[in-house]
PDB file of all heavy atoms in Angstrom:
ATOM      1  N   GLY A   1       4.678 -14.488  30.205  1.00  0.00           N
ATOM      2  CA  GLY A   1       4.865 -14.003  31.647  1.00  0.00           C
ATOM      3  C   GLY A   1       4.547 -12.561  31.786  1.00  0.00           C
ATOM      4  O   GLY A   1       4.523 -12.213  32.994  1.00  0.00           O
ATOM      5  N   CYS A   2       4.000 -11.895  30.917  1.00  0.00           N
ATOM      6  CA  CYS A   2       3.598 -10.446  31.103  1.00  0.00           C
ATOM      7  C   CYS A   2       2.230 -10.470  31.671  1.00  0.00           C
ATOM      8  O   CYS A   2       1.474 -11.344  31.450  1.00  0.00           O
ATOM      9  CB  CYS A   2       3.649  -9.683  29.809  1.00  0.00           C
ATOM     10  SG  CYS A   2       5.327  -9.409  29.088  1.00  0.00           S
ATOM     11  N   SER A   3       1.937  -9.419  32.364  1.00  0.00           N
ATOM     12  CA  SER A   3       0.604  -9.141  32.918  1.00  0.00           C
ATOM     13  C   SER A   3      -0.263  -8.798  31.685  1.00  0.00           C
ATOM     14  O   SER A   3       0.227  -8.488  30.527  1.00  0.00           O
ATOM     15  CB  SER A   3       0.591  -7.995  33.913  1.00  0.00           C
ATOM     16  OG  SER A   3       0.858  -6.757  33.263  1.00  0.00           O
ATOM     17  N   TYR A   4      -1.653  -8.887  31.873  1.00  0.00           N
ATOM     18  CA  TYR A   4      -2.572  -8.588  30.878  1.00  0.00           C
ATOM     19  C   TYR A   4      -2.447  -7.150  30.275  1.00  0.00           C
ATOM     20  O   TYR A   4      -2.366  -6.989  29.039  1.00  0.00           O
ATOM     21  CB  TYR A   4      -3.959  -8.747  31.407  1.00  0.00           C
ATOM     22  CG  TYR A   4      -5.138  -8.306  30.473  1.00  0.00           C
ATOM     23  CD1 TYR A   4      -5.342  -8.964  29.186  1.00  0.00           C
ATOM     24  CD2 TYR A   4      -5.881  -7.195  30.753  1.00  0.00           C
ATOM     25  CE1 TYR A   4      -6.326  -8.542  28.416  1.00  0.00           C
ATOM     26  CE2 TYR A   4      -6.860  -6.793  29.980  1.00  0.00           C
ATOM     27  CZ  TYR A   4      -7.147  -7.431  28.807  1.00  0.00           C
ATOM     28  OH  TYR A   4      -8.166  -7.000  27.991  1.00  0.00           O
ATOM     29  N   GLY A   5      -2.380  -6.092  31.152  1.00  0.00           N
ATOM     30  CA  GLY A   5      -2.180  -4.789  30.619  1.00  0.00           C
ATOM     31  C   GLY A   5      -0.914  -4.552  29.898  1.00  0.00           C
ATOM     32  O   GLY A   5      -0.874  -3.786  28.788  1.00  0.00           O
ATOM     33  N   GLU A   6       0.149  -5.230  30.387  1.00  0.00           N
ATOM     34  CA  GLU A   6       1.426  -5.040  29.670  1.00  0.00           C
ATOM     35  C   GLU A   6       1.493  -5.779  28.356  1.00  0.00           C
ATOM     36  O   GLU A   6       1.981  -5.213  27.306  1.00  0.00           O
ATOM     37  CB  GLU A   6       2.624  -5.599  30.548  1.00  0.00           C
ATOM     38  CG  GLU A   6       3.928  -5.413  30.035  1.00  0.00           C
ATOM     39  CD  GLU A   6       5.004  -5.877  31.024  1.00  0.00           C
ATOM     40  OE1 GLU A   6       4.630  -6.170  32.152  1.00  0.00           O
ATOM     41  OE2 GLU A   6       6.178  -6.035  30.524  1.00  0.00           O
ATOM     42  N   ALA A   7       0.794  -6.940  28.363  1.00  0.00           N
ATOM     43  CA  ALA A   7       0.736  -7.629  27.072  1.00  0.00           C
ATOM     44  C   ALA A   7      -0.145  -6.981  25.982  1.00  0.00           C
ATOM     45  O   ALA A   7       0.093  -7.274  24.764  1.00  0.00           O
ATOM     46  CB  ALA A   7       0.224  -9.099  27.390  1.00  0.00           C
ATOM     47  N   LEU A   8      -1.038  -6.060  26.393  1.00  0.00           N
ATOM     48  CA  LEU A   8      -1.787  -5.432  25.449  1.00  0.00           C
ATOM     49  C   LEU A   8      -1.002  -4.259  24.820  1.00  0.00           C
ATOM     50  O   LEU A   8      -1.248  -3.872  23.631  1.00  0.00           O
ATOM     51  CB  LEU A   8      -3.127  -4.756  26.114  1.00  0.00           C
ATOM     52  CG  LEU A   8      -4.254  -5.745  26.228  1.00  0.00           C
ATOM     53  CD1 LEU A   8      -5.409  -5.077  26.850  1.00  0.00           C
ATOM     54  CD2 LEU A   8      -4.739  -6.381  24.885  1.00  0.00           C
ATOM     55  N   ILE A   9      -0.155  -3.605  25.604  1.00  0.00           N
ATOM     56  CA  ILE A   9       0.651  -2.468  25.084  1.00  0.00           C
ATOM     57  C   ILE A   9       1.743  -2.887  24.334  1.00  0.00           C
ATOM     58  O   ILE A   9       2.117  -2.177  23.291  1.00  0.00           O
ATOM     59  CB  ILE A   9       1.052  -1.644  26.342  1.00  0.00           C
ATOM     60  CG1 ILE A   9      -0.149  -1.116  27.009  1.00  0.00           C
ATOM     61  CG2 ILE A   9       2.021  -0.490  25.950  1.00  0.00           C
ATOM     62  CD1 ILE A   9       0.126  -0.341  28.351  1.00  0.00           C
ATOM     63  N   LEU A  10       2.561  -4.002  24.685  1.00  0.00           N
ATOM     64  CA  LEU A  10       3.729  -4.346  23.914  1.00  0.00           C
ATOM     65  C   LEU A  10       3.495  -4.498  22.411  1.00  0.00           C
ATOM     66  O   LEU A  10       4.313  -3.961  21.643  1.00  0.00           O
ATOM     67  CB  LEU A  10       4.345  -5.633  24.471  1.00  0.00           C
ATOM     68  CG  LEU A  10       5.193  -5.397  25.815  1.00  0.00           C
ATOM     69  CD1 LEU A  10       5.641  -6.808  26.346  1.00  0.00           C
ATOM     70  CD2 LEU A  10       6.401  -4.578  25.477  1.00  0.00           C
ATOM     71  N   PRO A  11       2.553  -5.265  21.954  1.00  0.00           N
ATOM     72  CA  PRO A  11       2.395  -5.456  20.435  1.00  0.00           C
ATOM     73  C   PRO A  11       2.130  -4.214  19.694  1.00  0.00           C
ATOM     74  O   PRO A  11       2.428  -4.069  18.510  1.00  0.00           O
ATOM     75  CB  PRO A  11       1.229  -6.442  20.283  1.00  0.00           C
ATOM     76  CG  PRO A  11       1.153  -7.038  21.571  1.00  0.00           C
ATOM     77  CD  PRO A  11       1.569  -6.149  22.603  1.00  0.00           C
ATOM     78  N   GLU A  12       1.520  -3.178  20.335  1.00  0.00           N
ATOM     79  CA  GLU A  12       1.194  -1.899  19.628  1.00  0.00           C
ATOM     80  C   GLU A  12       2.474  -1.148  19.164  1.00  0.00           C
ATOM     81  O   GLU A  12       2.408  -0.474  18.173  1.00  0.00           O
ATOM     82  CB  GLU A  12       0.419  -0.933  20.503  1.00  0.00           C
ATOM     83  CG  GLU A  12      -0.901  -1.465  20.820  1.00  0.00           C
ATOM     84  CD  GLU A  12      -1.809  -0.538  21.602  1.00  0.00           C
ATOM     85  OE1 GLU A  12      -1.319   0.573  21.861  1.00  0.00           O
ATOM     86  OE2 GLU A  12      -2.834  -1.016  22.134  1.00  0.00           O
ATOM     87  N   PHE A  13       3.570  -1.365  19.911  1.00  0.00           N
ATOM     88  CA  PHE A  13       4.726  -0.567  19.491  1.00  0.00           C
ATOM     89  C   PHE A  13       5.810  -1.482  18.729  1.00  0.00           C
ATOM     90  O   PHE A  13       6.965  -1.084  18.564  1.00  0.00           O
ATOM     91  CB  PHE A  13       5.384  -0.039  20.803  1.00  0.00           C
ATOM     92  CG  PHE A  13       4.559   0.934  21.436  1.00  0.00           C
ATOM     93  CD1 PHE A  13       3.789   0.723  22.575  1.00  0.00           C
ATOM     94  CD2 PHE A  13       4.291   2.215  20.875  1.00  0.00           C
ATOM     95  CE1 PHE A  13       3.008   1.552  23.197  1.00  0.00           C
ATOM     96  CE2 PHE A  13       3.443   3.189  21.473  1.00  0.00           C
ATOM     97  CZ  PHE A  13       2.813   2.807  22.670  1.00  0.00           C
ATOM     98  N   MET A  14       5.361  -2.681  18.406  1.00  0.00           N
ATOM     99  CA  MET A  14       6.288  -3.522  17.633  1.00  0.00           C
ATOM    100  C   MET A  14       6.098  -3.278  16.149  1.00  0.00           C
ATOM    101  O   MET A  14       4.927  -3.154  15.695  1.00  0.00           O
ATOM    102  CB  MET A  14       6.056  -4.993  17.869  1.00  0.00           C
ATOM    103  CG  MET A  14       6.496  -5.402  19.308  1.00  0.00           C
ATOM    104  SD  MET A  14       6.256  -7.143  19.658  1.00  0.00           S
ATOM    105  CE  MET A  14       6.632  -7.150  21.360  1.00  0.00           C
ATOM    106  N   PRO A  15       7.061  -3.322  15.334  1.00  0.00           N
ATOM    107  CA  PRO A  15       6.916  -2.941  13.924  1.00  0.00           C
ATOM    108  C   PRO A  15       6.535  -4.234  12.959  1.00  0.00           C
ATOM    109  O   PRO A  15       6.905  -4.175  11.916  1.00  0.00           O
ATOM    110  CB  PRO A  15       8.338  -2.355  13.516  1.00  0.00           C
ATOM    111  CG  PRO A  15       9.258  -3.103  14.363  1.00  0.00           C
ATOM    112  CD  PRO A  15       8.456  -3.338  15.749  1.00  0.00           C
ATOM    113  N   TYR A  16       5.813  -5.080  13.526  1.00  0.00           N
ATOM    114  CA  TYR A  16       5.617  -6.305  12.840  1.00  0.00           C
ATOM    115  C   TYR A  16       4.171  -6.417  12.400  1.00  0.00           C
ATOM    116  O   TYR A  16       3.267  -5.864  13.100  1.00  0.00           O
ATOM    117  CB  TYR A  16       5.905  -7.568  13.542  1.00  0.00           C
ATOM    118  CG  TYR A  16       7.405  -7.598  14.191  1.00  0.00           C
ATOM    119  CD1 TYR A  16       7.651  -7.665  15.586  1.00  0.00           C
ATOM    120  CD2 TYR A  16       8.392  -7.412  13.334  1.00  0.00           C
ATOM    121  CE1 TYR A  16       8.901  -7.675  15.978  1.00  0.00           C
ATOM    122  CE2 TYR A  16       9.743  -7.424  13.726  1.00  0.00           C
ATOM    123  CZ  TYR A  16       9.961  -7.529  15.100  1.00  0.00           C
ATOM    124  OH  TYR A  16      11.179  -7.537  15.607  1.00  0.00           O
ATOM    125  N   LYS A  17       3.929  -7.030  11.256  1.00  0.00           N
ATOM    126  CA  LYS A  17       2.590  -7.080  10.721  1.00  0.00           C
ATOM    127  C   LYS A  17       1.562  -7.913  11.520  1.00  0.00           C
ATOM    128  O   LYS A  17       0.388  -7.526  11.598  1.00  0.00           O
ATOM    129  CB  LYS A  17       2.707  -7.635   9.322  1.00  0.00           C
ATOM    130  CG  LYS A  17       1.658  -8.562   8.804  1.00  0.00           C
ATOM    131  CD  LYS A  17       1.978  -8.957   7.368  1.00  0.00           C
ATOM    132  CE  LYS A  17       1.717 -10.427   7.175  1.00  0.00           C
ATOM    133  NZ  LYS A  17       1.686 -10.955   5.847  1.00  0.00           N
ATOM    134  N   MET A  18       2.051  -8.847  12.271  1.00  0.00           N
ATOM    135  CA  MET A  18       1.190  -9.826  13.008  1.00  0.00           C
ATOM    136  C   MET A  18       1.002  -9.294  14.426  1.00  0.00           C
ATOM    137  O   MET A  18       0.258  -9.995  15.134  1.00  0.00           O
ATOM    138  CB  MET A  18       1.771 -11.239  13.073  1.00  0.00           C
ATOM    139  CG  MET A  18       1.906 -11.798  11.692  1.00  0.00           C
ATOM    140  SD  MET A  18       0.448 -11.822  10.737  1.00  0.00           S
ATOM    141  CE  MET A  18      -0.589 -12.976  11.585  1.00  0.00           C
ATOM    142  N   SER A  19       1.482  -8.193  14.785  1.00  0.00           N
ATOM    143  CA  SER A  19       1.188  -7.686  16.209  1.00  0.00           C
ATOM    144  C   SER A  19      -0.216  -7.417  16.438  1.00  0.00           C
ATOM    145  O   SER A  19      -0.688  -7.658  17.586  1.00  0.00           O
ATOM    146  CB  SER A  19       2.124  -6.410  16.418  1.00  0.00           C
ATOM    147  OG  SER A  19       3.469  -6.708  16.271  1.00  0.00           O
ATOM    148  N   TYR A  20      -0.878  -6.948  15.443  1.00  0.00           N
ATOM    149  CA  TYR A  20      -2.359  -6.614  15.586  1.00  0.00           C
ATOM    150  C   TYR A  20      -3.111  -7.972  15.927  1.00  0.00           C
ATOM    151  O   TYR A  20      -3.949  -7.953  16.884  1.00  0.00           O
ATOM    152  CB  TYR A  20      -2.850  -5.946  14.455  1.00  0.00           C
ATOM    153  CG  TYR A  20      -4.390  -5.750  14.495  1.00  0.00           C
ATOM    154  CD1 TYR A  20      -4.909  -4.732  15.284  1.00  0.00           C
ATOM    155  CD2 TYR A  20      -5.359  -6.498  13.733  1.00  0.00           C
ATOM    156  CE1 TYR A  20      -6.289  -4.558  15.466  1.00  0.00           C
ATOM    157  CE2 TYR A  20      -6.591  -6.342  13.855  1.00  0.00           C
ATOM    158  CZ  TYR A  20      -7.144  -5.431  14.742  1.00  0.00           C
ATOM    159  OH  TYR A  20      -8.424  -5.154  14.862  1.00  0.00           O
ATOM    160  N   LEU A  21      -2.846  -9.039  15.239  1.00  0.00           N
ATOM    161  CA  LEU A  21      -3.617 -10.270  15.410  1.00  0.00           C
ATOM    162  C   LEU A  21      -3.223 -10.872  16.844  1.00  0.00           C
ATOM    163  O   LEU A  21      -4.110 -11.498  17.473  1.00  0.00           O
ATOM    164  CB  LEU A  21      -3.306 -11.182  14.283  1.00  0.00           C
ATOM    165  CG  LEU A  21      -4.037 -10.836  12.985  1.00  0.00           C
ATOM    166  CD1 LEU A  21      -3.554 -11.733  11.848  1.00  0.00           C
ATOM    167  CD2 LEU A  21      -5.507 -10.795  13.073  1.00  0.00           C
ATOM    168  N   ILE A  22      -2.036 -10.783  17.200  1.00  0.00           N
ATOM    169  CA  ILE A  22      -1.592 -11.233  18.491  1.00  0.00           C
ATOM    170  C   ILE A  22      -2.339 -10.537  19.575  1.00  0.00           C
ATOM    171  O   ILE A  22      -2.807 -11.112  20.599  1.00  0.00           O
ATOM    172  CB  ILE A  22      -0.034 -11.155  18.686  1.00  0.00           C
ATOM    173  CG1 ILE A  22       0.679 -12.105  17.666  1.00  0.00           C
ATOM    174  CG2 ILE A  22       0.340 -11.617  20.109  1.00  0.00           C
ATOM    175  CD1 ILE A  22       0.350 -13.500  17.805  1.00  0.00           C
ATOM    176  N   SER A  23      -2.444  -9.123  19.473  1.00  0.00           N
ATOM    177  CA  SER A  23      -3.149  -8.426  20.481  1.00  0.00           C
ATOM    178  C   SER A  23      -4.624  -8.732  20.484  1.00  0.00           C
ATOM    179  O   SER A  23      -5.320  -8.723  21.559  1.00  0.00           O
ATOM    180  CB  SER A  23      -2.955  -6.928  20.319  1.00  0.00           C
ATOM    181  OG  SER A  23      -3.561  -6.572  18.986  1.00  0.00           O
ATOM    182  N   GLN A  24      -5.242  -9.137  19.270  1.00  0.00           N
ATOM    183  CA  GLN A  24      -6.597  -9.610  19.298  1.00  0.00           C
ATOM    184  C   GLN A  24      -6.724 -10.964  20.045  1.00  0.00           C
ATOM    185  O   GLN A  24      -7.735 -11.253  20.709  1.00  0.00           O
ATOM    186  CB  GLN A  24      -7.102  -9.716  17.800  1.00  0.00           C
ATOM    187  CG  GLN A  24      -7.196  -8.460  17.128  1.00  0.00           C
ATOM    188  CD  GLN A  24      -8.223  -7.519  17.753  1.00  0.00           C
ATOM    189  OE1 GLN A  24      -9.365  -7.780  18.163  1.00  0.00           O
ATOM    190  NE2 GLN A  24      -7.751  -6.311  18.048  1.00  0.00           N
ATOM    191  N   LEU A  25      -5.742 -11.828  19.868  1.00  0.00           N
ATOM    192  CA  LEU A  25      -5.770 -13.162  20.661  1.00  0.00           C
ATOM    193  C   LEU A  25      -5.700 -12.874  22.205  1.00  0.00           C
ATOM    194  O   LEU A  25      -6.327 -13.637  22.908  1.00  0.00           O
ATOM    195  CB  LEU A  25      -4.696 -14.037  20.169  1.00  0.00           C
ATOM    196  CG  LEU A  25      -4.890 -14.774  18.836  1.00  0.00           C
ATOM    197  CD1 LEU A  25      -3.657 -15.560  18.425  1.00  0.00           C
ATOM    198  CD2 LEU A  25      -6.128 -15.677  18.992  1.00  0.00           C
ATOM    199  N   ILE A  26      -5.016 -11.952  22.582  1.00  0.00           N
ATOM    200  CA  ILE A  26      -4.792 -11.598  24.006  1.00  0.00           C
ATOM    201  C   ILE A  26      -6.199 -11.101  24.529  1.00  0.00           C
ATOM    202  O   ILE A  26      -6.532 -11.457  25.619  1.00  0.00           O
ATOM    203  CB  ILE A  26      -3.677 -10.574  24.231  1.00  0.00           C
ATOM    204  CG1 ILE A  26      -2.318 -11.204  23.817  1.00  0.00           C
ATOM    205  CG2 ILE A  26      -3.626 -10.111  25.720  1.00  0.00           C
ATOM    206  CD1 ILE A  26      -1.197 -10.209  23.787  1.00  0.00           C
ATOM    207  N   LEU A  27      -6.770 -10.317  23.855  1.00  0.00           N
ATOM    208  CA  LEU A  27      -8.182  -9.697  24.219  1.00  0.00           C
ATOM    209  C   LEU A  27      -9.067 -10.958  24.210  1.00  0.00           C
ATOM    210  O   LEU A  27      -9.866 -10.986  25.149  1.00  0.00           O
ATOM    211  CB  LEU A  27      -8.670  -8.783  23.136  1.00  0.00           C
ATOM    212  CG  LEU A  27      -8.047  -7.357  23.277  1.00  0.00           C
ATOM    213  CD1 LEU A  27      -8.481  -6.449  22.030  1.00  0.00           C
ATOM    214  CD2 LEU A  27      -8.317  -6.686  24.565  1.00  0.00           C
ATOM    215  N   SER A  28      -8.974 -11.850  23.353  1.00  0.00           N
ATOM    216  CA  SER A  28      -9.906 -12.990  23.312  1.00  0.00           C
ATOM    217  C   SER A  28      -9.729 -13.951  24.489  1.00  0.00           C
ATOM    218  O   SER A  28     -10.635 -14.382  25.161  1.00  0.00           O
ATOM    219  CB  SER A  28      -9.822 -13.707  21.959  1.00  0.00           C
ATOM    220  OG  SER A  28     -10.617 -14.925  21.965  1.00  0.00           O
ATOM    221  N   ALA A  29      -8.426 -14.198  24.796  1.00  0.00           N
ATOM    222  CA  ALA A  29      -8.043 -15.004  25.993  1.00  0.00           C
ATOM    223  C   ALA A  29      -8.553 -14.335  27.303  1.00  0.00           C
ATOM    224  O   ALA A  29      -9.087 -15.091  28.172  1.00  0.00           O
ATOM    225  CB  ALA A  29      -6.628 -15.295  26.021  1.00  0.00           C
ATOM    226  N   ALA A  30      -8.457 -13.042  27.341  1.00  0.00           N
ATOM    227  CA  ALA A  30      -8.977 -12.372  28.629  1.00  0.00           C
ATOM    228  C   ALA A  30     -10.431 -12.406  28.742  1.00  0.00           C
ATOM    229  O   ALA A  30     -11.024 -12.625  29.737  1.00  0.00           O
ATOM    230  CB  ALA A  30      -8.428 -10.872  28.573  1.00  0.00           C
ATOM    231  N   ALA A  31     -11.168 -12.180  27.556  1.00  0.00           N
ATOM    232  CA  ALA A  31     -12.613 -12.339  27.539  1.00  0.00           C
ATOM    233  C   ALA A  31     -13.111 -13.661  27.848  1.00  0.00           C
ATOM    234  O   ALA A  31     -14.063 -13.866  28.613  1.00  0.00           O
ATOM    235  CB  ALA A  31     -13.164 -11.841  26.193  1.00  0.00           C
ATOM    236  N   ASN A  32     -12.398 -14.705  27.415  1.00  0.00           N
ATOM    237  CA  ASN A  32     -12.653 -16.168  27.762  1.00  0.00           C
ATOM    238  C   ASN A  32     -12.465 -16.351  29.228  1.00  0.00           C
ATOM    239  O   ASN A  32     -13.327 -17.027  29.875  1.00  0.00           O
ATOM    240  CB  ASN A  32     -11.831 -17.062  26.963  1.00  0.00           C
ATOM    241  CG  ASN A  32     -12.183 -17.099  25.604  1.00  0.00           C
ATOM    242  OD1 ASN A  32     -13.340 -16.591  25.175  1.00  0.00           O
ATOM    243  ND2 ASN A  32     -11.295 -17.658  24.743  1.00  0.00           N
TER     244      ASN A  32
END
């Protein structure tokens, strides 16, 4: 339910290892 800009920022500040790959998927969905 987050907007695209908010969804890009949220994983950067999470202390989890998979946050980077989730942000890459968000970028890919937006590019598609």
